[in-house]
């Protein structure tokens, strides 16, 4: 095998590794993300299921845990498990749990 052939294969493999890394989903907050963001960042969720998540959230309030996604029709336990490390459930309106200290 000549050096140019080997170099070409190394470049090809490096490119494929780089491109595959770009396709990984980013963490997504299921209580604040819009349907497009949900569809883009949750593996196995397309536009229709993403819209179902938003509709469910508007009707039933914020999700308390990522597991609550299974309450949305068409989303099963396997989908949640596959994405569990990238699902967030905090609310933008969450109040701080710090207690105020009075200055007496």
PDB file of N, CA and C in Angstrom:
ATOM      1  N   UNK A   1       0.850  -1.170   0.000  1.00  0.00           N
ATOM      2  CA  UNK A   1       0.000   0.000   0.000  1.00  0.00           C
ATOM      3  C   UNK A   1       0.900   1.238   0.000  1.00  0.00           C
ATOM      4  N   UNK A   2       0.642   2.156  -0.885  1.00  0.00           N
ATOM      5  CA  UNK A   2       1.492   3.335  -0.933  1.00  0.00           C
ATOM      6  C   UNK A   2       1.049   4.377   0.096  1.00  0.00           C
ATOM      7  N   UNK A   3       1.892   5.331   0.343  1.00  0.00           N
ATOM      8  CA  UNK A   3       1.676   6.342   1.374  1.00  0.00           C
ATOM      9  C   UNK A   3       0.440   7.188   1.077  1.00  0.00           C
ATOM     10  N   UNK A   4       0.221   7.566  -0.179  1.00  0.00           N
ATOM     11  CA  UNK A   4      -0.942   8.386  -0.527  1.00  0.00           C
ATOM     12  C   UNK A   4      -2.247   7.642  -0.290  1.00  0.00           C
ATOM     13  N   UNK A   5      -2.268   6.365  -0.616  1.00  0.00           N
ATOM     14  CA  UNK A   5      -3.455   5.550  -0.387  1.00  0.00           C
ATOM     15  C   UNK A   5      -3.753   5.465   1.114  1.00  0.00           C
ATOM     16  N   UNK A   6      -2.728   5.230   1.906  1.00  0.00           N
ATOM     17  CA  UNK A   6      -2.879   5.149   3.348  1.00  0.00           C
ATOM     18  C   UNK A   6      -3.335   6.482   3.924  1.00  0.00           C
ATOM     19  N   UNK A   7      -2.735   7.570   3.468  1.00  0.00           N
ATOM     20  CA  UNK A   7      -3.109   8.899   3.919  1.00  0.00           C
ATOM     21  C   UNK A   7      -4.573   9.202   3.582  1.00  0.00           C
ATOM     22  N   UNK A   8      -5.009   8.805   2.412  1.00  0.00           N
ATOM     23  CA  UNK A   8      -6.400   9.005   2.010  1.00  0.00           C
ATOM     24  C   UNK A   8      -7.365   8.272   2.932  1.00  0.00           C
ATOM     25  N   UNK A   9      -7.015   7.052   3.311  1.00  0.00           N
ATOM     26  CA  UNK A   9      -7.866   6.279   4.222  1.00  0.00           C
ATOM     27  C   UNK A   9      -7.911   6.899   5.611  1.00  0.00           C
ATOM     28  N   UNK A  10      -6.788   7.401   6.075  1.00  0.00           N
ATOM     29  CA  UNK A  10      -6.741   8.051   7.388  1.00  0.00           C
ATOM     30  C   UNK A  10      -7.631   9.295   7.383  1.00  0.00           C
ATOM     31  N   UNK A  11      -7.550  10.076   6.326  1.00  0.00           N
ATOM     32  CA  UNK A  11      -8.385  11.282   6.223  1.00  0.00           C
ATOM     33  C   UNK A  11      -9.862  10.913   6.168  1.00  0.00           C
ATOM     34  N   UNK A  12     -10.213   9.901   5.424  1.00  0.00           N
ATOM     35  CA  UNK A  12     -11.601   9.458   5.319  1.00  0.00           C
ATOM     36  C   UNK A  12     -12.133   9.013   6.679  1.00  0.00           C
ATOM     37  N   UNK A  13     -11.381   8.195   7.366  1.00  0.00           N
ATOM     38  CA  UNK A  13     -11.813   7.701   8.679  1.00  0.00           C
ATOM     39  C   UNK A  13     -11.928   8.853   9.662  1.00  0.00           C
ATOM     40  N   UNK A  14     -10.991   9.776   9.666  1.00  0.00           N
ATOM     41  CA  UNK A  14     -11.037  10.937  10.557  1.00  0.00           C
ATOM     42  C   UNK A  14     -12.274  11.781  10.276  1.00  0.00           C
ATOM     43  N   UNK A  15     -12.590  11.966   9.016  1.00  0.00           N
ATOM     44  CA  UNK A  15     -13.769  12.747   8.631  1.00  0.00           C
ATOM     45  C   UNK A  15     -15.050  12.082   9.118  1.00  0.00           C
ATOM     46  N   UNK A  16     -15.129  10.782   8.960  1.00  0.00           N
ATOM     47  CA  UNK A  16     -16.325  10.059   9.406  1.00  0.00           C
ATOM     48  C   UNK A  16     -16.497  10.144  10.917  1.00  0.00           C
ATOM     49  N   UNK A  17     -15.424  10.055  11.651  1.00  0.00           N
ATOM     50  CA  UNK A  17     -15.491  10.174  13.106  1.00  0.00           C
ATOM     51  C   UNK A  17     -15.961  11.569  13.491  1.00  0.00           C
ATOM     52  N   UNK A  18     -15.439  12.590  12.836  1.00  0.00           N
ATOM     53  CA  UNK A  18     -15.830  13.960  13.117  1.00  0.00           C
ATOM     54  C   UNK A  18     -17.305  14.193  12.824  1.00  0.00           C
ATOM     55  N   UNK A  19     -17.773  13.754  11.674  1.00  0.00           N
ATOM     56  CA  UNK A  19     -19.172  13.945  11.280  1.00  0.00           C
ATOM     57  C   UNK A  19     -20.105  13.189  12.220  1.00  0.00           C
ATOM     58  N   UNK A  20     -19.754  11.988  12.634  1.00  0.00           N
ATOM     59  CA  UNK A  20     -20.625  11.233  13.537  1.00  0.00           C
ATOM     60  C   UNK A  20     -20.734  11.918  14.885  1.00  0.00           C
ATOM     61  N   UNK A  21     -19.691  12.607  15.306  1.00  0.00           N
ATOM     62  CA  UNK A  21     -19.739  13.351  16.566  1.00  0.00           C
ATOM     63  C   UNK A  21     -20.666  14.545  16.494  1.00  0.00           C
ATOM     64  N   UNK A  22     -20.811  15.133  15.323  1.00  0.00           N
ATOM     65  CA  UNK A  22     -21.690  16.285  15.153  1.00  0.00           C
ATOM     66  C   UNK A  22     -23.161  15.921  15.256  1.00  0.00           C
ATOM     67  N   UNK A  23     -23.509  14.689  14.992  1.00  0.00           N
ATOM     68  CA  UNK A  23     -24.915  14.297  14.953  1.00  0.00           C
ATOM     69  C   UNK A  23     -25.475  13.930  16.323  1.00  0.00           C
ATOM     70  N   UNK A  24     -24.639  13.946  17.362  1.00  0.00           N
ATOM     71  CA  UNK A  24     -25.133  13.601  18.683  1.00  0.00           C
ATOM     72  C   UNK A  24     -26.002  14.727  19.214  1.00  0.00           C
ATOM     73  N   UNK A  25     -27.048  14.349  19.932  1.00  0.00           N
ATOM     74  CA  UNK A  25     -27.991  15.317  20.461  1.00  0.00           C
ATOM     75  C   UNK A  25     -27.397  16.065  21.645  1.00  0.00           C
ATOM     76  N   UNK A  26     -27.852  17.286  21.806  1.00  0.00           N
ATOM     77  CA  UNK A  26     -27.453  18.107  22.946  1.00  0.00           C
ATOM     78  C   UNK A  26     -28.482  17.931  24.055  1.00  0.00           C
ATOM     79  N   UNK A  27     -28.105  18.196  25.302  1.00  0.00           N
ATOM     80  CA  UNK A  27     -29.096  18.123  26.379  1.00  0.00           C
ATOM     81  C   UNK A  27     -30.266  19.063  26.078  1.00  0.00           C
ATOM     82  N   UNK A  28     -31.469  18.617  26.403  1.00  0.00           N
ATOM     83  CA  UNK A  28     -32.662  19.413  26.108  1.00  0.00           C
ATOM     84  C   UNK A  28     -33.579  19.420  27.325  1.00  0.00           C
ATOM     85  N   UNK A  29     -34.101  20.589  27.643  1.00  0.00           N
ATOM     86  CA  UNK A  29     -35.043  20.728  28.744  1.00  0.00           C
ATOM     87  C   UNK A  29     -36.445  20.472  28.195  1.00  0.00           C
ATOM     88  N   UNK A  30     -37.044  19.370  28.611  1.00  0.00           N
ATOM     89  CA  UNK A  30     -38.352  18.991  28.072  1.00  0.00           C
ATOM     90  C   UNK A  30     -39.477  19.881  28.581  1.00  0.00           C
ATOM     91  N   UNK A  31     -39.196  20.739  29.560  1.00  0.00           N
ATOM     92  CA  UNK A  31     -40.208  21.667  30.070  1.00  0.00           C
ATOM     93  C   UNK A  31     -40.180  23.026  29.393  1.00  0.00           C
ATOM     94  N   UNK A  32     -39.112  23.318  28.661  1.00  0.00           N
ATOM     95  CA  UNK A  32     -39.018  24.644  28.054  1.00  0.00           C
ATOM     96  C   UNK A  32     -38.774  24.623  26.550  1.00  0.00           C
ATOM     97  N   UNK A  33     -38.298  23.518  26.011  1.00  0.00           N
ATOM     98  CA  UNK A  33     -37.952  23.453  24.589  1.00  0.00           C
ATOM     99  C   UNK A  33     -39.197  23.456  23.702  1.00  0.00           C
ATOM    100  N   UNK A  34     -39.074  24.089  22.546  1.00  0.00           N
ATOM    101  CA  UNK A  34     -40.168  24.048  21.580  1.00  0.00           C
ATOM    102  C   UNK A  34     -40.111  22.729  20.815  1.00  0.00           C
ATOM    103  N   UNK A  35     -41.116  22.493  20.000  1.00  0.00           N
ATOM    104  CA  UNK A  35     -41.230  21.215  19.288  1.00  0.00           C
ATOM    105  C   UNK A  35     -40.035  20.970  18.362  1.00  0.00           C
ATOM    106  N   UNK A  36     -39.574  21.987  17.675  1.00  0.00           N
ATOM    107  CA  UNK A  36     -38.444  21.811  16.756  1.00  0.00           C
ATOM    108  C   UNK A  36     -37.185  21.396  17.510  1.00  0.00           C
ATOM    109  N   UNK A  37     -36.944  21.997  18.651  1.00  0.00           N
ATOM    110  CA  UNK A  37     -35.769  21.665  19.464  1.00  0.00           C
ATOM    111  C   UNK A  37     -35.875  20.247  20.004  1.00  0.00           C
ATOM    112  N   UNK A  38     -37.063  19.864  20.447  1.00  0.00           N
ATOM    113  CA  UNK A  38     -37.271  18.507  20.953  1.00  0.00           C
ATOM    114  C   UNK A  38     -37.015  17.483  19.855  1.00  0.00           C
ATOM    115  N   UNK A  39     -37.557  17.725  18.669  1.00  0.00           N
ATOM    116  CA  UNK A  39     -37.395  16.790  17.551  1.00  0.00           C
ATOM    117  C   UNK A  39     -35.933  16.671  17.137  1.00  0.00           C
ATOM    118  N   UNK A  40     -35.218  17.757  17.212  1.00  0.00           N
ATOM    119  CA  UNK A  40     -33.820  17.773  16.787  1.00  0.00           C
ATOM    120  C   UNK A  40     -32.900  17.097  17.802  1.00  0.00           C
ATOM    121  N   UNK A  41     -33.246  17.161  19.076  1.00  0.00           N
ATOM    122  CA  UNK A  41     -32.319  16.734  20.115  1.00  0.00           C
ATOM    123  C   UNK A  41     -32.689  15.468  20.864  1.00  0.00           C
ATOM    124  N   UNK A  42     -33.866  14.912  20.615  1.00  0.00           N
ATOM    125  CA  UNK A  42     -34.239  13.672  21.286  1.00  0.00           C
ATOM    126  C   UNK A  42     -34.292  12.566  20.231  1.00  0.00           C
ATOM    127  N   UNK A  43     -33.417  11.596  20.387  1.00  0.00           N
ATOM    128  CA  UNK A  43     -33.346  10.486  19.446  1.00  0.00           C
ATOM    129  C   UNK A  43     -34.650   9.692  19.460  1.00  0.00           C
ATOM    130  N   UNK A  44     -35.209   9.455  18.288  1.00  0.00           N
ATOM    131  CA  UNK A  44     -36.451   8.699  18.174  1.00  0.00           C
ATOM    132  C   UNK A  44     -37.704   9.559  18.228  1.00  0.00           C
ATOM    133  N   UNK A  45     -37.520  10.868  18.346  1.00  0.00           N
ATOM    134  CA  UNK A  45     -38.657  11.794  18.394  1.00  0.00           C
ATOM    135  C   UNK A  45     -38.644  12.652  17.137  1.00  0.00           C
ATOM    136  N   UNK A  46     -39.724  12.551  16.387  1.00  0.00           N
ATOM    137  CA  UNK A  46     -39.872  13.367  15.190  1.00  0.00           C
ATOM    138  C   UNK A  46     -40.779  14.545  15.479  1.00  0.00           C
ATOM    139  N   UNK A  47     -41.128  15.302  14.453  1.00  0.00           N
ATOM    140  CA  UNK A  47     -41.950  16.504  14.637  1.00  0.00           C
ATOM    141  C   UNK A  47     -43.316  16.246  15.292  1.00  0.00           C
ATOM    142  N   UNK A  48     -43.980  15.143  14.936  1.00  0.00           N
ATOM    143  CA  UNK A  48     -45.316  14.871  15.499  1.00  0.00           C
ATOM    144  C   UNK A  48     -45.241  14.544  16.987  1.00  0.00           C
ATOM    145  N   UNK A  49     -44.290  13.689  17.362  1.00  0.00           N
ATOM    146  CA  UNK A  49     -44.153  13.352  18.786  1.00  0.00           C
ATOM    147  C   UNK A  49     -43.653  14.550  19.578  1.00  0.00           C
ATOM    148  N   UNK A  50     -42.798  15.353  18.971  1.00  0.00           N
ATOM    149  CA  UNK A  50     -42.311  16.556  19.646  1.00  0.00           C
ATOM    150  C   UNK A  50     -43.474  17.506  19.925  1.00  0.00           C
ATOM    151  N   UNK A  51     -44.357  17.662  18.961  1.00  0.00           N
ATOM    152  CA  UNK A  51     -45.531  18.517  19.170  1.00  0.00           C
ATOM    153  C   UNK A  51     -46.444  17.913  20.241  1.00  0.00           C
ATOM    154  N   UNK A  52     -46.533  16.589  20.287  1.00  0.00           N
ATOM    155  CA  UNK A  52     -47.332  15.925  21.324  1.00  0.00           C
ATOM    156  C   UNK A  52     -46.751  16.200  22.714  1.00  0.00           C
ATOM    157  N   UNK A  53     -45.431  16.279  22.822  1.00  0.00           N
ATOM    158  CA  UNK A  53     -44.795  16.606  24.101  1.00  0.00           C
ATOM    159  C   UNK A  53     -45.187  18.020  24.524  1.00  0.00           C
ATOM    160  N   UNK A  54     -45.106  18.968  23.606  1.00  0.00           N
ATOM    161  CA  UNK A  54     -45.455  20.356  23.904  1.00  0.00           C
ATOM    162  C   UNK A  54     -46.929  20.462  24.293  1.00  0.00           C
ATOM    163  N   UNK A  55     -47.796  19.787  23.560  1.00  0.00           N
ATOM    164  CA  UNK A  55     -49.232  19.812  23.862  1.00  0.00           C
ATOM    165  C   UNK A  55     -49.508  19.197  25.227  1.00  0.00           C
ATOM    166  N   UNK A  56     -48.895  18.071  25.515  1.00  0.00           N
ATOM    167  CA  UNK A  56     -49.066  17.412  26.818  1.00  0.00           C
ATOM    168  C   UNK A  56     -48.617  18.348  27.941  1.00  0.00           C
ATOM    169  N   UNK A  57     -47.485  18.985  27.747  1.00  0.00           N
ATOM    170  CA  UNK A  57     -46.931  19.893  28.755  1.00  0.00           C
ATOM    171  C   UNK A  57     -47.858  21.078  29.002  1.00  0.00           C
ATOM    172  N   UNK A  58     -48.442  21.623  27.936  1.00  0.00           N
ATOM    173  CA  UNK A  58     -49.363  22.754  28.081  1.00  0.00           C
ATOM    174  C   UNK A  58     -50.640  22.344  28.799  1.00  0.00           C
ATOM    175  N   UNK A  59     -51.088  21.120  28.543  1.00  0.00           N
ATOM    176  CA  UNK A  59     -52.327  20.619  29.143  1.00  0.00           C
ATOM    177  C   UNK A  59     -52.139  20.169  30.587  1.00  0.00           C
ATOM    178  N   UNK A  60     -51.023  19.513  30.873  1.00  0.00           N
ATOM    179  CA  UNK A  60     -50.822  18.868  32.175  1.00  0.00           C
ATOM    180  C   UNK A  60     -49.790  19.534  33.078  1.00  0.00           C
ATOM    181  N   UNK A  61     -49.152  20.568  32.598  1.00  0.00           N
ATOM    182  CA  UNK A  61     -48.113  21.222  33.385  1.00  0.00           C
ATOM    183  C   UNK A  61     -46.754  20.612  33.119  1.00  0.00           C
ATOM    184  N   UNK A  62     -45.726  21.164  33.769  1.00  0.00           N
ATOM    185  CA  UNK A  62     -44.362  20.703  33.496  1.00  0.00           C
ATOM    186  C   UNK A  62     -44.130  19.264  33.936  1.00  0.00           C
ATOM    187  N   UNK A  63     -43.198  18.628  33.256  1.00  0.00           N
ATOM    188  CA  UNK A  63     -42.793  17.276  33.623  1.00  0.00           C
ATOM    189  C   UNK A  63     -41.981  17.347  34.910  1.00  0.00           C
ATOM    190  N   UNK A  64     -42.207  16.396  35.808  1.00  0.00           N
ATOM    191  CA  UNK A  64     -41.439  16.355  37.057  1.00  0.00           C
ATOM    192  C   UNK A  64     -40.168  15.539  36.883  1.00  0.00           C
ATOM    193  N   UNK A  65     -40.238  14.506  36.053  1.00  0.00           N
ATOM    194  CA  UNK A  65     -39.077  13.672  35.762  1.00  0.00           C
ATOM    195  C   UNK A  65     -39.069  13.350  34.273  1.00  0.00           C
ATOM    196  N   UNK A  66     -37.922  12.917  33.793  1.00  0.00           N
ATOM    197  CA  UNK A  66     -37.830  12.504  32.394  1.00  0.00           C
ATOM    198  C   UNK A  66     -38.734  11.303  32.130  1.00  0.00           C
ATOM    199  N   UNK A  67     -38.908  10.456  33.124  1.00  0.00           N
ATOM    200  CA  UNK A  67     -39.771   9.278  32.978  1.00  0.00           C
ATOM    201  C   UNK A  67     -41.216   9.665  32.641  1.00  0.00           C
ATOM    202  N   UNK A  68     -41.632  10.869  33.026  1.00  0.00           N
ATOM    203  CA  UNK A  68     -42.993  11.334  32.730  1.00  0.00           C
ATOM    204  C   UNK A  68     -43.263  11.441  31.236  1.00  0.00           C
ATOM    205  N   UNK A  69     -42.219  11.450  30.420  1.00  0.00           N
ATOM    206  CA  UNK A  69     -42.428  11.478  28.966  1.00  0.00           C
ATOM    207  C   UNK A  69     -43.220  10.266  28.491  1.00  0.00           C
ATOM    208  N   UNK A  70     -43.158   9.173  29.243  1.00  0.00           N
ATOM    209  CA  UNK A  70     -43.905   7.977  28.838  1.00  0.00           C
ATOM    210  C   UNK A  70     -45.410   8.188  28.939  1.00  0.00           C
ATOM    211  N   UNK A  71     -45.830   9.270  29.582  1.00  0.00           N
ATOM    212  CA  UNK A  71     -47.256   9.606  29.641  1.00  0.00           C
ATOM    213  C   UNK A  71     -47.760  10.194  28.330  1.00  0.00           C
ATOM    214  N   UNK A  72     -46.830  10.595  27.469  1.00  0.00           N
ATOM    215  CA  UNK A  72     -47.183  11.152  26.162  1.00  0.00           C
ATOM    216  C   UNK A  72     -47.402   9.985  25.201  1.00  0.00           C
ATOM    217  N   UNK A  73     -48.556   9.980  24.553  1.00  0.00           N
ATOM    218  CA  UNK A  73     -48.884   8.889  23.634  1.00  0.00           C
ATOM    219  C   UNK A  73     -47.805   8.744  22.562  1.00  0.00           C
ATOM    220  N   UNK A  74     -47.330   7.515  22.403  1.00  0.00           N
ATOM    221  CA  UNK A  74     -46.339   7.215  21.380  1.00  0.00           C
ATOM    222  C   UNK A  74     -44.900   7.250  21.871  1.00  0.00           C
ATOM    223  N   UNK A  75     -44.689   7.619  23.134  1.00  0.00           N
ATOM    224  CA  UNK A  75     -43.332   7.646  23.677  1.00  0.00           C
ATOM    225  C   UNK A  75     -43.224   6.567  24.735  1.00  0.00           C
ATOM    226  N   UNK A  76     -42.330   5.635  24.502  1.00  0.00           N
ATOM    227  CA  UNK A  76     -42.177   4.504  25.404  1.00  0.00           C
ATOM    228  C   UNK A  76     -40.931   4.588  26.263  1.00  0.00           C
ATOM    229  N   UNK A  77     -40.825   3.619  27.129  1.00  0.00           N
ATOM    230  CA  UNK A  77     -39.711   3.535  28.064  1.00  0.00           C
ATOM    231  C   UNK A  77     -38.362   3.448  27.352  1.00  0.00           C
ATOM    232  N   UNK A  78     -38.316   2.723  26.242  1.00  0.00           N
ATOM    233  CA  UNK A  78     -37.043   2.576  25.509  1.00  0.00           C
ATOM    234  C   UNK A  78     -36.542   3.914  24.979  1.00  0.00           C
ATOM    235  N   UNK A  79     -37.449   4.741  24.511  1.00  0.00           N
ATOM    236  CA  UNK A  79     -37.057   6.065  24.015  1.00  0.00           C
ATOM    237  C   UNK A  79     -36.494   6.908  25.153  1.00  0.00           C
ATOM    238  N   UNK A  80     -37.149   6.871  26.299  1.00  0.00           N
ATOM    239  CA  UNK A  80     -36.668   7.626  27.457  1.00  0.00           C
ATOM    240  C   UNK A  80     -35.301   7.107  27.885  1.00  0.00           C
ATOM    241  N   UNK A  81     -35.153   5.795  27.987  1.00  0.00           N
ATOM    242  CA  UNK A  81     -33.879   5.209  28.413  1.00  0.00           C
ATOM    243  C   UNK A  81     -32.743   5.567  27.459  1.00  0.00           C
ATOM    244  N   UNK A  82     -33.041   5.571  26.163  1.00  0.00           N
ATOM    245  CA  UNK A  82     -32.024   5.868  25.159  1.00  0.00           C
ATOM    246  C   UNK A  82     -31.525   7.319  25.280  1.00  0.00           C
ATOM    247  N   UNK A  83     -32.395   8.203  25.773  1.00  0.00           N
ATOM    248  CA  UNK A  83     -32.078   9.627  25.824  1.00  0.00           C
ATOM    249  C   UNK A  83     -31.868  10.173  27.236  1.00  0.00           C
ATOM    250  N   UNK A  84     -31.961   9.333  28.241  1.00  0.00           N
ATOM    251  CA  UNK A  84     -32.025   9.791  29.631  1.00  0.00           C
ATOM    252  C   UNK A  84     -30.899  10.750  30.018  1.00  0.00           C
ATOM    253  N   UNK A  85     -29.712  10.557  29.508  1.00  0.00           N
ATOM    254  CA  UNK A  85     -28.592  11.425  29.882  1.00  0.00           C
ATOM    255  C   UNK A  85     -28.662  12.813  29.261  1.00  0.00           C
ATOM    256  N   UNK A  86     -29.537  12.988  28.277  1.00  0.00           N
ATOM    257  CA  UNK A  86     -29.661  14.281  27.611  1.00  0.00           C
ATOM    258  C   UNK A  86     -30.984  14.983  27.882  1.00  0.00           C
ATOM    259  N   UNK A  87     -31.793  14.441  28.787  1.00  0.00           N
ATOM    260  CA  UNK A  87     -33.084  15.040  29.102  1.00  0.00           C
ATOM    261  C   UNK A  87     -32.993  15.831  30.401  1.00  0.00           C
ATOM    262  N   UNK A  88     -33.487  17.056  30.381  1.00  0.00           N
ATOM    263  CA  UNK A  88     -33.527  17.915  31.560  1.00  0.00           C
ATOM    264  C   UNK A  88     -34.975  18.269  31.844  1.00  0.00           C
ATOM    265  N   UNK A  89     -35.306  18.512  33.102  1.00  0.00           N
ATOM    266  CA  UNK A  89     -36.691  18.817  33.463  1.00  0.00           C
ATOM    267  C   UNK A  89     -36.850  20.085  34.286  1.00  0.00           C
ATOM    268  N   UNK A  90     -35.819  20.877  34.416  1.00  0.00           N
ATOM    269  CA  UNK A  90     -35.946  22.093  35.204  1.00  0.00           C
ATOM    270  C   UNK A  90     -36.845  23.094  34.489  1.00  0.00           C
ATOM    271  N   UNK A  91     -37.400  23.990  35.265  1.00  0.00           N
ATOM    272  CA  UNK A  91     -38.290  25.005  34.720  1.00  0.00           C
ATOM    273  C   UNK A  91     -37.594  26.353  34.758  1.00  0.00           C
ATOM    274  N   UNK A  92     -37.851  27.182  33.775  1.00  0.00           N
ATOM    275  CA  UNK A  92     -37.257  28.522  33.777  1.00  0.00           C
ATOM    276  C   UNK A  92     -37.843  29.365  34.897  1.00  0.00           C
ATOM    277  N   UNK A  93     -39.000  28.992  35.392  1.00  0.00           N
ATOM    278  CA  UNK A  93     -39.653  29.743  36.463  1.00  0.00           C
ATOM    279  C   UNK A  93     -39.415  29.136  37.834  1.00  0.00           C
ATOM    280  N   UNK A  94     -38.491  28.177  37.917  1.00  0.00           N
ATOM    281  CA  UNK A  94     -38.219  27.544  39.191  1.00  0.00           C
ATOM    282  C   UNK A  94     -37.708  28.567  40.178  1.00  0.00           C
ATOM    283  N   UNK A  95     -38.250  28.514  41.378  1.00  0.00           N
ATOM    284  CA  UNK A  95     -37.816  29.432  42.420  1.00  0.00           C
ATOM    285  C   UNK A  95     -36.602  28.854  43.110  1.00  0.00           C
ATOM    286  N   UNK A  96     -35.775  29.741  43.582  1.00  0.00           N
ATOM    287  CA  UNK A  96     -34.585  29.331  44.312  1.00  0.00           C
ATOM    288  C   UNK A  96     -34.990  28.691  45.623  1.00  0.00           C
ATOM    289  N   UNK A  97     -34.262  27.673  46.035  1.00  0.00           N
ATOM    290  CA  UNK A  97     -34.572  26.991  47.300  1.00  0.00           C
ATOM    291  C   UNK A  97     -33.765  27.579  48.453  1.00  0.00           C
ATOM    292  N   UNK A  98     -32.973  28.620  48.177  1.00  0.00           N
ATOM    293  CA  UNK A  98     -32.214  29.265  49.227  1.00  0.00           C
ATOM    294  C   UNK A  98     -33.144  30.067  50.119  1.00  0.00           C
ATOM    295  N   UNK A  99     -32.917  29.975  51.406  1.00  0.00           N
ATOM    296  CA  UNK A  99     -33.726  30.735  52.356  1.00  0.00           C
ATOM    297  C   UNK A  99     -33.093  32.100  52.565  1.00  0.00           C
ATOM    298  N   UNK A 100     -33.962  33.094  52.693  1.00  0.00           N
ATOM    299  CA  UNK A 100     -33.467  34.442  52.956  1.00  0.00           C
ATOM    300  C   UNK A 100     -33.075  34.538  54.415  1.00  0.00           C
ATOM    301  N   UNK A 101     -31.972  35.202  54.651  1.00  0.00           N
ATOM    302  CA  UNK A 101     -31.501  35.401  56.016  1.00  0.00           C
ATOM    303  C   UNK A 101     -31.810  36.833  56.398  1.00  0.00           C
ATOM    304  N   UNK A 102     -32.522  36.989  57.505  1.00  0.00           N
ATOM    305  CA  UNK A 102     -32.872  38.336  57.926  1.00  0.00           C
ATOM    306  C   UNK A 102     -31.662  39.016  58.545  1.00  0.00           C
ATOM    307  N   UNK A 103     -31.561  40.297  58.322  1.00  0.00           N
ATOM    308  CA  UNK A 103     -30.439  41.068  58.844  1.00  0.00           C
ATOM    309  C   UNK A 103     -30.894  41.873  60.043  1.00  0.00           C
ATOM    310  N   UNK A 104     -31.095  41.246  61.166  1.00  0.00           N
ATOM    311  CA  UNK A 104     -31.535  41.931  62.389  1.00  0.00           C
ATOM    312  C   UNK A 104     -30.377  42.313  63.243  1.00  0.00           C
TER     313      UNK A 104
END
